[in-house]
Amino acid sequence: MPLIVVTTSPRVAPGLLSRRAWQVLQEGPVLTQAAGHPLLPYLAEVGIAVEVVTADPAALVRRAQGENVVWLEADEALMRSVGHAALALDEPPLIEVVPGSYDLPGARLLDLVSVMDRLRTGCPWDAKQTHESLVPYLLEEAYEVLETIEEGDHAALREELGDLMLQVVFHARVARDRPDAEGGFDIDDVADAIVAKLVRRHPHVFADVKVEGAEDVSDNWEVIKAAERAAKNAGDAGSVLDGVPMGQPALSLAAQLLRRADRAGAPAALASPVRDEAAEAGAAPAAAGGDLGARLFALVRQAHEAGLDPEAELRAAARAYRDRVRTWETRETGDEGRRTGG
């Protein structure tokens, strides 16, 4: 006689079970140690009796020697103990595991939301955080993701992406504490907004728009974004530069402004006379640097025209300089050791 263990995912609605799981549960008898198992009301609704017992692996396998036994839910430790108890018998019963439900892709995100909720209500530090206080961590985690990508450390990338994901969930949990009238929202609102945006901006995937390649996709993207700006501004399409975060690092800001303007068909000459505008805006006088800002902007424009990312190029140069300094330090340390007899 078999011992059939039915497992379920806590992240899937308890009534949604596989056909095989429903079949073995109806054959019974069904035992469990979880008196509060979320599946119990659904089983009771269809007339399946469940006996709540203390988990005794030895007694469980002995009972399975004489009759079919269905065990609802089991953790790894219990299954290991059941296996040891079965091996101790002269004629061990057949043990079969029947998955009742499987985790869907992204199911562990529900666990992250649950953990964040627990931290927000149970940890004094997490409870006092605000959007403003979390900003440094958001920036730090984003840069750590960037560093792992630049270093090609794909093993570390998994962990760093998790740290960055936490920041999104944390901000959404902070926002949930605000009333709707004060701009409150939760993680589902965040996900709903990005899903709607992705579907709206990819009509060649989710609708019947035809494209020939990536360039057509980019062109459609700009048209759709212009329509979105017009919808937000009561029919006024606004500026192609709307939405560019001006608080980002200067090099990436200049590069993004140039990319946006270029896609909108702005004449290249607009990027040339930035020196005068910078001076009018109160840039440093000649004695303190002169046209340095204008020259930096010109370098960013050159990088843009060459299809390069100036931020990435400067970071690559900075990493090369870092390596040179470390090599110099190692050499100097070695020379000092030789001079002192070390």
C-alpha atoms as a PDB file:
ATOM      1  CA  MET A   1       0.000   0.000   0.000  1.00  0.00           C
ATOM      2  CA  PRO A   2       1.327   3.453  -0.763  1.00  0.00           C
ATOM      3  CA  LEU A   3       1.866   6.516   1.334  1.00  0.00           C
ATOM      4  CA  ILE A   4       0.923   9.414  -0.943  1.00  0.00           C
ATOM      5  CA  VAL A   5       2.158  12.859   0.051  1.00  0.00           C
ATOM      6  CA  VAL A   6       0.266  15.771  -1.538  1.00  0.00           C
ATOM      7  CA  THR A   7       2.224  19.016  -1.620  1.00  0.00           C
ATOM      8  CA  THR A   8       0.834  22.462  -2.425  1.00  0.00           C
ATOM      9  CA  SER A   9       2.255  25.916  -3.029  1.00  0.00           C
ATOM     10  CA  PRO A  10       1.295  28.521  -0.407  1.00  0.00           C
ATOM     11  CA  ARG A  11       1.474  31.097  -3.201  1.00  0.00           C
ATOM     12  CA  VAL A  12      -1.305  29.530  -5.272  1.00  0.00           C
ATOM     13  CA  ALA A  13      -4.999  29.723  -4.356  1.00  0.00           C
ATOM     14  CA  PRO A  14      -5.670  26.596  -2.238  1.00  0.00           C
ATOM     15  CA  GLY A  15      -8.618  25.369  -4.326  1.00  0.00           C
ATOM     16  CA  LEU A  16      -6.500  25.167  -7.477  1.00  0.00           C
ATOM     17  CA  LEU A  17      -5.131  21.631  -7.440  1.00  0.00           C
ATOM     18  CA  SER A  18      -3.920  19.260 -10.112  1.00  0.00           C
ATOM     19  CA  ARG A  19      -6.301  16.545 -11.324  1.00  0.00           C
ATOM     20  CA  ARG A  20      -4.080  13.831  -9.820  1.00  0.00           C
ATOM     21  CA  ALA A  21      -4.081  15.586  -6.435  1.00  0.00           C
ATOM     22  CA  TRP A  22      -7.880  15.793  -6.334  1.00  0.00           C
ATOM     23  CA  GLN A  23      -8.037  12.132  -7.329  1.00  0.00           C
ATOM     24  CA  VAL A  24      -5.822  10.828  -4.520  1.00  0.00           C
ATOM     25  CA  LEU A  25      -7.447  13.135  -1.959  1.00  0.00           C
ATOM     26  CA  GLN A  26     -10.845  11.653  -2.829  1.00  0.00           C
ATOM     27  CA  GLU A  27      -9.470   8.138  -2.415  1.00  0.00           C
ATOM     28  CA  GLY A  28      -8.247   8.942   1.121  1.00  0.00           C
ATOM     29  CA  PRO A  29      -7.981   8.551   4.002  1.00  0.00           C
ATOM     30  CA  VAL A  30      -6.377  12.006   4.314  1.00  0.00           C
ATOM     31  CA  LEU A  31      -4.153  12.932   7.251  1.00  0.00           C
ATOM     32  CA  THR A  32      -2.371  16.178   8.099  1.00  0.00           C
ATOM     33  CA  GLN A  33      -0.650  17.823  11.024  1.00  0.00           C
ATOM     34  CA  ALA A  34      -1.668  21.302   9.858  1.00  0.00           C
ATOM     35  CA  ALA A  35      -4.988  22.067  11.531  1.00  0.00           C
ATOM     36  CA  GLY A  36      -5.082  25.434   9.803  1.00  0.00           C
ATOM     37  CA  HIS A  37      -4.153  24.241   6.326  1.00  0.00           C
ATOM     38  CA  PRO A  38      -5.875  26.565   3.812  1.00  0.00           C
ATOM     39  CA  LEU A  39      -7.030  23.612   1.703  1.00  0.00           C
ATOM     40  CA  LEU A  40      -9.198  22.097   4.474  1.00  0.00           C
ATOM     41  CA  PRO A  41     -12.344  24.207   3.802  1.00  0.00           C
ATOM     42  CA  TYR A  42     -12.236  23.257   0.118  1.00  0.00           C
ATOM     43  CA  LEU A  43     -11.904  19.570   0.949  1.00  0.00           C
ATOM     44  CA  ALA A  44     -14.773  19.799   3.442  1.00  0.00           C
ATOM     45  CA  GLU A  45     -16.907  21.491   0.782  1.00  0.00           C
ATOM     46  CA  VAL A  46     -16.680  18.412  -1.442  1.00  0.00           C
ATOM     47  CA  GLY A  47     -17.082  15.963   1.431  1.00  0.00           C
ATOM     48  CA  ILE A  48     -13.457  14.897   1.925  1.00  0.00           C
ATOM     49  CA  ALA A  49     -12.739  14.242   5.601  1.00  0.00           C
ATOM     50  CA  VAL A  50      -9.293  15.124   6.912  1.00  0.00           C
ATOM     51  CA  GLU A  51      -7.904  13.744  10.157  1.00  0.00           C
ATOM     52  CA  VAL A  52      -5.561  16.116  12.000  1.00  0.00           C
ATOM     53  CA  VAL A  53      -2.878  14.068  13.760  1.00  0.00           C
ATOM     54  CA  THR A  54       0.557  14.515  15.289  1.00  0.00           C
ATOM     55  CA  ALA A  55       3.233  13.774  12.728  1.00  0.00           C
ATOM     56  CA  ASP A  56       4.773  10.441  13.750  1.00  0.00           C
ATOM     57  CA  PRO A  57       6.859   9.150  10.814  1.00  0.00           C
ATOM     58  CA  ALA A  58       7.133   5.594  12.147  1.00  0.00           C
ATOM     59  CA  ALA A  59       3.380   5.309  12.797  1.00  0.00           C
ATOM     60  CA  LEU A  60       2.637   6.844   9.429  1.00  0.00           C
ATOM     61  CA  VAL A  61       4.652   4.338   7.413  1.00  0.00           C
ATOM     62  CA  ARG A  62       3.324   1.394   9.491  1.00  0.00           C
ATOM     63  CA  ARG A  63      -0.235   2.488   8.754  1.00  0.00           C
ATOM     64  CA  ALA A  64       0.636   2.738   5.060  1.00  0.00           C
ATOM     65  CA  GLN A  65       1.640  -0.928   5.130  1.00  0.00           C
ATOM     66  CA  GLY A  66      -1.999  -1.890   5.617  1.00  0.00           C
ATOM     67  CA  GLU A  67      -3.942   0.773   3.675  1.00  0.00           C
ATOM     68  CA  ASN A  68      -3.618   3.702   1.317  1.00  0.00           C
ATOM     69  CA  VAL A  69      -2.706   6.817   3.276  1.00  0.00           C
ATOM     70  CA  VAL A  70      -2.755  10.350   1.877  1.00  0.00           C
ATOM     71  CA  TRP A  71      -0.674  12.860   3.815  1.00  0.00           C
ATOM     72  CA  LEU A  72      -1.437  16.491   3.153  1.00  0.00           C
ATOM     73  CA  GLU A  73       1.673  18.674   3.130  1.00  0.00           C
ATOM     74  CA  ALA A  74       5.113  17.833   4.461  1.00  0.00           C
ATOM     75  CA  ASP A  75       8.314  19.763   4.998  1.00  0.00           C
ATOM     76  CA  GLU A  76      11.760  18.468   4.115  1.00  0.00           C
ATOM     77  CA  ALA A  77      12.584  17.344   7.654  1.00  0.00           C
ATOM     78  CA  LEU A  78       9.395  15.287   7.955  1.00  0.00           C
ATOM     79  CA  MET A  79       9.940  13.660   4.571  1.00  0.00           C
ATOM     80  CA  ARG A  80      13.478  12.706   5.573  1.00  0.00           C
ATOM     81  CA  SER A  81      12.192  11.146   8.800  1.00  0.00           C
ATOM     82  CA  VAL A  82       9.489   9.259   6.889  1.00  0.00           C
ATOM     83  CA  GLY A  83      12.145   7.894   4.531  1.00  0.00           C
ATOM     84  CA  HIS A  84      14.316   6.688   7.428  1.00  0.00           C
ATOM     85  CA  ALA A  85      11.304   5.089   9.125  1.00  0.00           C
ATOM     86  CA  ALA A  86      10.332   3.298   5.909  1.00  0.00           C
ATOM     87  CA  LEU A  87      13.852   1.935   5.367  1.00  0.00           C
ATOM     88  CA  ALA A  88      13.785   0.485   8.883  1.00  0.00           C
ATOM     89  CA  LEU A  89      10.859  -1.786   7.946  1.00  0.00           C
ATOM     90  CA  ASP A  90      11.250  -5.214   6.361  1.00  0.00           C
ATOM     91  CA  GLU A  91       8.571  -4.391   3.797  1.00  0.00           C
ATOM     92  CA  PRO A  92       8.452  -0.587   3.450  1.00  0.00           C
ATOM     93  CA  PRO A  93       5.424   0.937   1.723  1.00  0.00           C
ATOM     94  CA  LEU A  94       5.674   2.729  -1.582  1.00  0.00           C
ATOM     95  CA  ILE A  95       6.022   6.487  -1.010  1.00  0.00           C
ATOM     96  CA  GLU A  96       4.726   8.762  -3.745  1.00  0.00           C
ATOM     97  CA  VAL A  97       4.806  12.565  -3.847  1.00  0.00           C
ATOM     98  CA  VAL A  98       1.965  14.206  -5.775  1.00  0.00           C
ATOM     99  CA  PRO A  99       2.349  17.944  -6.405  1.00  0.00           C
ATOM    100  CA  GLY A 100      -1.043  19.549  -5.914  1.00  0.00           C
ATOM    101  CA  SER A 101       0.069  22.946  -7.169  1.00  0.00           C
ATOM    102  CA  TYR A 102       3.261  24.478  -8.457  1.00  0.00           C
ATOM    103  CA  ASP A 103       4.771  27.891  -7.969  1.00  0.00           C
ATOM    104  CA  LEU A 104       4.210  30.160 -10.943  1.00  0.00           C
ATOM    105  CA  PRO A 105       7.111  32.280 -12.278  1.00  0.00           C
ATOM    106  CA  GLY A 106       7.519  35.234  -9.950  1.00  0.00           C
ATOM    107  CA  ALA A 107       5.839  33.472  -7.036  1.00  0.00           C
ATOM    108  CA  ARG A 108       8.715  34.244  -4.689  1.00  0.00           C
ATOM    109  CA  LEU A 109       7.982  37.940  -5.145  1.00  0.00           C
ATOM    110  CA  LEU A 110       4.922  37.335  -2.976  1.00  0.00           C
ATOM    111  CA  ASP A 111       7.267  36.154  -0.233  1.00  0.00           C
ATOM    112  CA  LEU A 112       9.320  39.326  -0.594  1.00  0.00           C
ATOM    113  CA  VAL A 113       6.195  41.468  -0.242  1.00  0.00           C
ATOM    114  CA  SER A 114       5.194  39.468   2.843  1.00  0.00           C
ATOM    115  CA  VAL A 115       8.643  39.798   4.441  1.00  0.00           C
ATOM    116  CA  MET A 116       8.707  43.539   3.739  1.00  0.00           C
ATOM    117  CA  ASP A 117       5.300  43.926   5.363  1.00  0.00           C
ATOM    118  CA  ARG A 118       6.561  42.057   8.437  1.00  0.00           C
ATOM    119  CA  LEU A 119       9.659  44.261   8.634  1.00  0.00           C
ATOM    120  CA  ARG A 120       7.649  47.465   8.231  1.00  0.00           C
ATOM    121  CA  THR A 121       5.411  46.546  11.160  1.00  0.00           C
ATOM    122  CA  GLY A 122       7.908  44.676  13.348  1.00  0.00           C
ATOM    123  CA  CYS A 123      11.285  46.399  12.975  1.00  0.00           C
ATOM    124  CA  PRO A 124      11.761  49.894  14.499  1.00  0.00           C
ATOM    125  CA  TRP A 125      14.332  50.881  11.857  1.00  0.00           C
ATOM    126  CA  ASP A 126      12.189  49.794   8.900  1.00  0.00           C
ATOM    127  CA  ALA A 127       9.098  51.355  10.443  1.00  0.00           C
ATOM    128  CA  LYS A 128      10.590  54.865  10.575  1.00  0.00           C
ATOM    129  CA  GLN A 129      11.942  54.990   7.026  1.00  0.00           C
ATOM    130  CA  THR A 130      10.567  57.434   4.452  1.00  0.00           C
ATOM    131  CA  HIS A 131      11.010  57.846   0.702  1.00  0.00           C
ATOM    132  CA  GLU A 132      13.548  60.561   1.433  1.00  0.00           C
ATOM    133  CA  SER A 133      15.576  58.525   3.934  1.00  0.00           C
ATOM    134  CA  LEU A 134      15.736  55.575   1.536  1.00  0.00           C
ATOM    135  CA  VAL A 135      17.123  57.587  -1.407  1.00  0.00           C
ATOM    136  CA  PRO A 136      20.821  56.953  -0.567  1.00  0.00           C
ATOM    137  CA  TYR A 137      20.210  53.199  -0.425  1.00  0.00           C
ATOM    138  CA  LEU A 138      18.386  53.226  -3.766  1.00  0.00           C
ATOM    139  CA  LEU A 139      21.297  54.999  -5.440  1.00  0.00           C
ATOM    140  CA  GLU A 140      23.881  52.826  -3.711  1.00  0.00           C
ATOM    141  CA  GLU A 141      22.187  49.576  -4.723  1.00  0.00           C
ATOM    142  CA  ALA A 142      21.757  50.764  -8.320  1.00  0.00           C
ATOM    143  CA  TYR A 143      25.463  51.560  -8.555  1.00  0.00           C
ATOM    144  CA  GLU A 144      26.376  48.201  -7.021  1.00  0.00           C
ATOM    145  CA  VAL A 145      24.330  46.488  -9.739  1.00  0.00           C
ATOM    146  CA  LEU A 146      26.199  48.568 -12.307  1.00  0.00           C
ATOM    147  CA  GLU A 147      29.542  47.566 -10.809  1.00  0.00           C
ATOM    148  CA  THR A 148      28.808  43.830 -10.953  1.00  0.00           C
ATOM    149  CA  ILE A 149      27.785  44.171 -14.618  1.00  0.00           C
ATOM    150  CA  GLU A 150      30.921  46.138 -15.470  1.00  0.00           C
ATOM    151  CA  GLU A 151      33.079  43.595 -13.653  1.00  0.00           C
ATOM    152  CA  GLY A 152      31.304  40.691 -15.357  1.00  0.00           C
ATOM    153  CA  ASP A 153      30.527  39.180 -11.954  1.00  0.00           C
ATOM    154  CA  HIS A 154      27.302  37.425 -12.912  1.00  0.00           C
ATOM    155  CA  ALA A 155      27.221  35.374  -9.718  1.00  0.00           C
ATOM    156  CA  ALA A 156      27.140  38.576  -7.619  1.00  0.00           C
ATOM    157  CA  LEU A 157      24.605  40.167  -9.980  1.00  0.00           C
ATOM    158  CA  ARG A 158      21.848  37.928  -8.636  1.00  0.00           C
ATOM    159  CA  GLU A 159      22.351  39.205  -5.092  1.00  0.00           C
ATOM    160  CA  GLU A 160      22.745  42.837  -6.110  1.00  0.00           C
ATOM    161  CA  LEU A 161      19.560  42.752  -8.182  1.00  0.00           C
ATOM    162  CA  GLY A 162      17.789  41.388  -5.119  1.00  0.00           C
ATOM    163  CA  ASP A 163      19.059  44.318  -3.054  1.00  0.00           C
ATOM    164  CA  LEU A 164      17.807  46.730  -5.712  1.00  0.00           C
ATOM    165  CA  MET A 165      14.458  44.939  -5.911  1.00  0.00           C
ATOM    166  CA  LEU A 166      14.094  45.353  -2.157  1.00  0.00           C
ATOM    167  CA  GLN A 167      14.274  49.122  -2.578  1.00  0.00           C
ATOM    168  CA  VAL A 168      11.311  49.083  -4.973  1.00  0.00           C
ATOM    169  CA  VAL A 169       9.268  46.915  -2.623  1.00  0.00           C
ATOM    170  CA  PHE A 170      10.319  49.056   0.363  1.00  0.00           C
ATOM    171  CA  HIS A 171       9.198  52.304  -1.312  1.00  0.00           C
ATOM    172  CA  ALA A 172       5.889  50.710  -2.289  1.00  0.00           C
ATOM    173  CA  ARG A 173       5.349  49.563   1.309  1.00  0.00           C
ATOM    174  CA  VAL A 174       6.094  53.070   2.615  1.00  0.00           C
ATOM    175  CA  ALA A 175       3.572  54.499   0.141  1.00  0.00           C
ATOM    176  CA  ARG A 176       0.939  52.023   1.312  1.00  0.00           C
ATOM    177  CA  ASP A 177       0.880  53.735   4.698  1.00  0.00           C
ATOM    178  CA  ARG A 178      -0.420  56.938   3.112  1.00  0.00           C
ATOM    179  CA  PRO A 179      -4.140  57.480   2.427  1.00  0.00           C
ATOM    180  CA  ASP A 180      -5.176  57.369  -1.228  1.00  0.00           C
ATOM    181  CA  ALA A 181      -5.979  61.084  -1.050  1.00  0.00           C
ATOM    182  CA  GLU A 182      -2.310  61.735  -0.211  1.00  0.00           C
ATOM    183  CA  GLY A 183      -0.898  59.690  -3.059  1.00  0.00           C
ATOM    184  CA  GLY A 184      -0.915  56.309  -1.381  1.00  0.00           C
ATOM    185  CA  PHE A 185      -0.326  53.182  -3.461  1.00  0.00           C
ATOM    186  CA  ASP A 186       1.002  49.659  -3.008  1.00  0.00           C
ATOM    187  CA  ILE A 187       3.202  47.184  -4.866  1.00  0.00           C
ATOM    188  CA  ASP A 188       0.280  45.989  -7.004  1.00  0.00           C
ATOM    189  CA  ASP A 189      -0.311  49.549  -8.184  1.00  0.00           C
ATOM    190  CA  VAL A 190       3.375  49.788  -9.116  1.00  0.00           C
ATOM    191  CA  ALA A 191       3.245  46.511 -11.028  1.00  0.00           C
ATOM    192  CA  ASP A 192      -0.054  47.437 -12.691  1.00  0.00           C
ATOM    193  CA  ALA A 193       1.377  50.730 -13.953  1.00  0.00           C
ATOM    194  CA  ILE A 194       4.488  49.189 -15.506  1.00  0.00           C
ATOM    195  CA  VAL A 195       2.539  46.287 -17.029  1.00  0.00           C
ATOM    196  CA  ALA A 196       0.103  48.732 -18.641  1.00  0.00           C
ATOM    197  CA  LYS A 197       2.996  50.854 -19.925  1.00  0.00           C
ATOM    198  CA  LEU A 198       4.877  47.896 -21.389  1.00  0.00           C
ATOM    199  CA  VAL A 199       1.780  46.567 -23.138  1.00  0.00           C
ATOM    200  CA  ARG A 200       0.900  50.030 -24.448  1.00  0.00           C
ATOM    201  CA  ARG A 201       4.412  50.664 -25.775  1.00  0.00           C
ATOM    202  CA  HIS A 202       4.752  47.266 -27.465  1.00  0.00           C
ATOM    203  CA  PRO A 203       1.789  47.110 -29.854  1.00  0.00           C
ATOM    204  CA  HIS A 204       3.903  44.926 -32.163  1.00  0.00           C
ATOM    205  CA  VAL A 205       3.841  42.271 -29.426  1.00  0.00           C
ATOM    206  CA  PHE A 206       0.461  42.748 -27.760  1.00  0.00           C
ATOM    207  CA  ALA A 207      -1.531  44.122 -30.720  1.00  0.00           C
ATOM    208  CA  ASP A 208      -1.491  43.879 -34.515  1.00  0.00           C
ATOM    209  CA  VAL A 209       1.144  46.524 -35.333  1.00  0.00           C
ATOM    210  CA  LYS A 210       3.812  45.232 -37.735  1.00  0.00           C
ATOM    211  CA  VAL A 211       7.497  46.179 -37.454  1.00  0.00           C
ATOM    212  CA  GLU A 212      10.504  45.344 -39.601  1.00  0.00           C
ATOM    213  CA  GLY A 213      13.149  45.632 -36.916  1.00  0.00           C
ATOM    214  CA  ALA A 214      14.480  47.416 -33.837  1.00  0.00           C
ATOM    215  CA  GLU A 215      14.472  50.809 -35.577  1.00  0.00           C
ATOM    216  CA  ASP A 216      10.721  50.591 -36.223  1.00  0.00           C
ATOM    217  CA  VAL A 217      10.210  49.650 -32.573  1.00  0.00           C
ATOM    218  CA  SER A 218      12.163  52.745 -31.466  1.00  0.00           C
ATOM    219  CA  ASP A 219      10.165  54.999 -33.811  1.00  0.00           C
ATOM    220  CA  ASN A 220       6.860  53.615 -32.540  1.00  0.00           C
ATOM    221  CA  TRP A 221       8.074  54.058 -28.964  1.00  0.00           C
ATOM    222  CA  GLU A 222       8.639  57.786 -29.501  1.00  0.00           C
ATOM    223  CA  VAL A 223       5.223  58.253 -31.136  1.00  0.00           C
ATOM    224  CA  ILE A 224       3.521  56.447 -28.268  1.00  0.00           C
ATOM    225  CA  LYS A 225       5.425  58.463 -25.647  1.00  0.00           C
ATOM    226  CA  ALA A 226       4.412  61.700 -27.391  1.00  0.00           C
ATOM    227  CA  ALA A 227       0.781  60.584 -27.240  1.00  0.00           C
ATOM    228  CA  GLU A 228       1.197  59.799 -23.532  1.00  0.00           C
ATOM    229  CA  ARG A 229       2.599  63.271 -22.857  1.00  0.00           C
ATOM    230  CA  ALA A 230      -0.310  64.830 -24.738  1.00  0.00           C
ATOM    231  CA  ALA A 231      -2.784  62.797 -22.679  1.00  0.00           C
ATOM    232  CA  LYS A 232      -1.131  63.996 -19.466  1.00  0.00           C
ATOM    233  CA  ASN A 233      -1.020  67.635 -20.563  1.00  0.00           C
ATOM    234  CA  ALA A 234      -4.590  68.045 -21.815  1.00  0.00           C
ATOM    235  CA  GLY A 235      -3.666  67.691 -25.469  1.00  0.00           C
ATOM    236  CA  ASP A 236      -0.343  69.523 -25.302  1.00  0.00           C
ATOM    237  CA  ALA A 237       2.390  67.149 -26.466  1.00  0.00           C
ATOM    238  CA  GLY A 238       4.855  69.001 -24.245  1.00  0.00           C
ATOM    239  CA  SER A 239       8.587  68.616 -24.741  1.00  0.00           C
ATOM    240  CA  VAL A 240      10.502  65.538 -25.787  1.00  0.00           C
ATOM    241  CA  LEU A 241      12.718  66.325 -22.779  1.00  0.00           C
ATOM    242  CA  ASP A 242       9.840  65.965 -20.314  1.00  0.00           C
ATOM    243  CA  GLY A 243      10.635  63.256 -17.809  1.00  0.00           C
ATOM    244  CA  VAL A 244      14.411  63.538 -18.047  1.00  0.00           C
ATOM    245  CA  PRO A 245      15.597  63.457 -14.400  1.00  0.00           C
ATOM    246  CA  MET A 246      17.723  66.561 -13.948  1.00  0.00           C
ATOM    247  CA  GLY A 247      19.179  65.239 -10.682  1.00  0.00           C
ATOM    248  CA  GLN A 248      21.190  62.475 -12.343  1.00  0.00           C
ATOM    249  CA  PRO A 249      24.998  62.735 -12.766  1.00  0.00           C
ATOM    250  CA  ALA A 250      25.947  65.489 -15.208  1.00  0.00           C
ATOM    251  CA  LEU A 251      27.533  63.243 -17.837  1.00  0.00           C
ATOM    252  CA  SER A 252      24.543  60.918 -18.059  1.00  0.00           C
ATOM    253  CA  LEU A 253      22.186  63.928 -17.973  1.00  0.00           C
ATOM    254  CA  ALA A 254      23.887  65.532 -20.965  1.00  0.00           C
ATOM    255  CA  ALA A 255      23.904  62.192 -22.817  1.00  0.00           C
ATOM    256  CA  GLN A 256      20.207  61.611 -22.187  1.00  0.00           C
ATOM    257  CA  LEU A 257      19.277  65.129 -23.257  1.00  0.00           C
ATOM    258  CA  LEU A 258      21.217  64.646 -26.489  1.00  0.00           C
ATOM    259  CA  ARG A 259      19.595  61.256 -27.140  1.00  0.00           C
ATOM    260  CA  ARG A 260      16.098  62.616 -26.587  1.00  0.00           C
ATOM    261  CA  ALA A 261      16.715  65.691 -28.742  1.00  0.00           C
ATOM    262  CA  ASP A 262      18.297  63.610 -31.497  1.00  0.00           C
ATOM    263  CA  ARG A 263      15.327  61.250 -31.633  1.00  0.00           C
ATOM    264  CA  ALA A 264      13.036  64.264 -31.928  1.00  0.00           C
ATOM    265  CA  GLY A 265      15.034  65.545 -34.910  1.00  0.00           C
ATOM    266  CA  ALA A 266      16.519  68.592 -33.154  1.00  0.00           C
ATOM    267  CA  PRO A 267      19.285  70.200 -35.247  1.00  0.00           C
ATOM    268  CA  ALA A 268      22.800  69.337 -34.142  1.00  0.00           C
ATOM    269  CA  ALA A 269      23.698  73.025 -34.051  1.00  0.00           C
ATOM    270  CA  LEU A 270      21.607  73.416 -30.889  1.00  0.00           C
ATOM    271  CA  ALA A 271      24.327  71.574 -28.988  1.00  0.00           C
ATOM    272  CA  SER A 272      27.121  73.889 -30.109  1.00  0.00           C
ATOM    273  CA  PRO A 273      26.590  77.300 -28.443  1.00  0.00           C
ATOM    274  CA  VAL A 274      26.109  75.942 -24.918  1.00  0.00           C
ATOM    275  CA  ARG A 275      28.999  78.116 -23.681  1.00  0.00           C
ATOM    276  CA  ASP A 276      26.983  81.326 -23.824  1.00  0.00           C
ATOM    277  CA  GLU A 277      23.937  79.819 -22.137  1.00  0.00           C
ATOM    278  CA  ALA A 278      26.142  78.323 -19.427  1.00  0.00           C
ATOM    279  CA  ALA A 279      27.678  81.730 -18.766  1.00  0.00           C
ATOM    280  CA  GLU A 280      24.265  83.375 -18.609  1.00  0.00           C
ATOM    281  CA  ALA A 281      23.173  80.702 -16.142  1.00  0.00           C
ATOM    282  CA  GLY A 282      25.998  81.677 -13.785  1.00  0.00           C
ATOM    283  CA  ALA A 283      28.658  79.119 -14.686  1.00  0.00           C
ATOM    284  CA  ALA A 284      32.157  79.544 -13.272  1.00  0.00           C
ATOM    285  CA  PRO A 285      34.140  82.547 -14.646  1.00  0.00           C
ATOM    286  CA  ALA A 286      37.268  82.048 -16.725  1.00  0.00           C
ATOM    287  CA  ALA A 287      39.562  82.316 -13.699  1.00  0.00           C
ATOM    288  CA  ALA A 288      37.830  79.379 -12.036  1.00  0.00           C
ATOM    289  CA  GLY A 289      37.548  77.093 -15.042  1.00  0.00           C
ATOM    290  CA  GLY A 290      36.129  79.145 -17.859  1.00  0.00           C
ATOM    291  CA  ASP A 291      34.431  77.109 -20.525  1.00  0.00           C
ATOM    292  CA  LEU A 292      35.157  73.748 -18.907  1.00  0.00           C
ATOM    293  CA  GLY A 293      31.446  72.870 -18.746  1.00  0.00           C
ATOM    294  CA  ALA A 294      31.006  73.710 -22.431  1.00  0.00           C
ATOM    295  CA  ARG A 295      34.021  71.596 -23.364  1.00  0.00           C
ATOM    296  CA  LEU A 296      32.733  68.675 -21.302  1.00  0.00           C
ATOM    297  CA  PHE A 297      29.371  68.984 -23.031  1.00  0.00           C
ATOM    298  CA  ALA A 298      31.139  68.975 -26.401  1.00  0.00           C
ATOM    299  CA  LEU A 299      32.922  65.731 -25.430  1.00  0.00           C
ATOM    300  CA  VAL A 300      29.585  64.186 -24.481  1.00  0.00           C
ATOM    301  CA  ARG A 301      28.204  65.277 -27.869  1.00  0.00           C
ATOM    302  CA  GLN A 302      31.174  63.659 -29.614  1.00  0.00           C
ATOM    303  CA  ALA A 303      30.577  60.437 -27.723  1.00  0.00           C
ATOM    304  CA  HIS A 304      26.893  60.529 -28.679  1.00  0.00           C
ATOM    305  CA  GLU A 305      27.729  61.029 -32.347  1.00  0.00           C
ATOM    306  CA  ALA A 306      30.152  58.091 -32.157  1.00  0.00           C
ATOM    307  CA  GLY A 307      27.513  55.862 -30.581  1.00  0.00           C
ATOM    308  CA  LEU A 308      29.331  55.697 -27.246  1.00  0.00           C
ATOM    309  CA  ASP A 309      28.066  56.103 -23.691  1.00  0.00           C
ATOM    310  CA  PRO A 310      30.206  58.866 -22.111  1.00  0.00           C
ATOM    311  CA  GLU A 311      29.378  57.705 -18.604  1.00  0.00           C
ATOM    312  CA  ALA A 312      30.520  54.168 -19.401  1.00  0.00           C
ATOM    313  CA  GLU A 313      33.625  55.439 -21.200  1.00  0.00           C
ATOM    314  CA  LEU A 314      34.636  57.641 -18.261  1.00  0.00           C
ATOM    315  CA  ARG A 315      33.966  54.812 -15.815  1.00  0.00           C
ATOM    316  CA  ALA A 316      36.153  52.494 -17.919  1.00  0.00           C
ATOM    317  CA  ALA A 317      38.937  55.077 -17.813  1.00  0.00           C
ATOM    318  CA  ALA A 318      38.450  55.455 -14.061  1.00  0.00           C
ATOM    319  CA  ARG A 319      38.678  51.675 -13.581  1.00  0.00           C
ATOM    320  CA  ALA A 320      41.878  51.606 -15.647  1.00  0.00           C
ATOM    321  CA  TYR A 321      43.311  54.373 -13.467  1.00  0.00           C
ATOM    322  CA  ARG A 322      42.257  52.464 -10.356  1.00  0.00           C
ATOM    323  CA  ASP A 323      44.150  49.394 -11.574  1.00  0.00           C
ATOM    324  CA  ARG A 324      47.249  51.492 -12.294  1.00  0.00           C
ATOM    325  CA  VAL A 325      47.179  52.956  -8.786  1.00  0.00           C
ATOM    326  CA  ARG A 326      46.810  49.510  -7.234  1.00  0.00           C
ATOM    327  CA  THR A 327      49.726  48.225  -9.298  1.00  0.00           C
ATOM    328  CA  TRP A 328      51.792  51.222  -8.211  1.00  0.00           C
ATOM    329  CA  GLU A 329      50.868  50.611  -4.568  1.00  0.00           C
ATOM    330  CA  THR A 330      51.904  46.976  -4.835  1.00  0.00           C
ATOM    331  CA  ARG A 331      55.198  47.941  -6.444  1.00  0.00           C
ATOM    332  CA  GLU A 332      55.859  50.650  -3.853  1.00  0.00           C
ATOM    333  CA  THR A 333      55.073  48.260  -1.023  1.00  0.00           C
ATOM    334  CA  GLY A 334      57.456  45.699  -2.519  1.00  0.00           C
ATOM    335  CA  ASP A 335      60.217  48.253  -2.972  1.00  0.00           C
ATOM    336  CA  GLU A 336      59.784  49.464   0.610  1.00  0.00           C
ATOM    337  CA  GLY A 337      59.996  45.902   1.867  1.00  0.00           C
ATOM    338  CA  ARG A 338      63.215  45.302  -0.054  1.00  0.00           C
ATOM    339  CA  ARG A 339      64.741  48.541   1.255  1.00  0.00           C
ATOM    340  CA  THR A 340      63.980  47.599   4.842  1.00  0.00           C
ATOM    341  CA  GLY A 341      65.004  44.012   4.410  1.00  0.00           C
ATOM    342  CA  GLY A 342      61.366  42.824   4.647  1.00  0.00           C
END
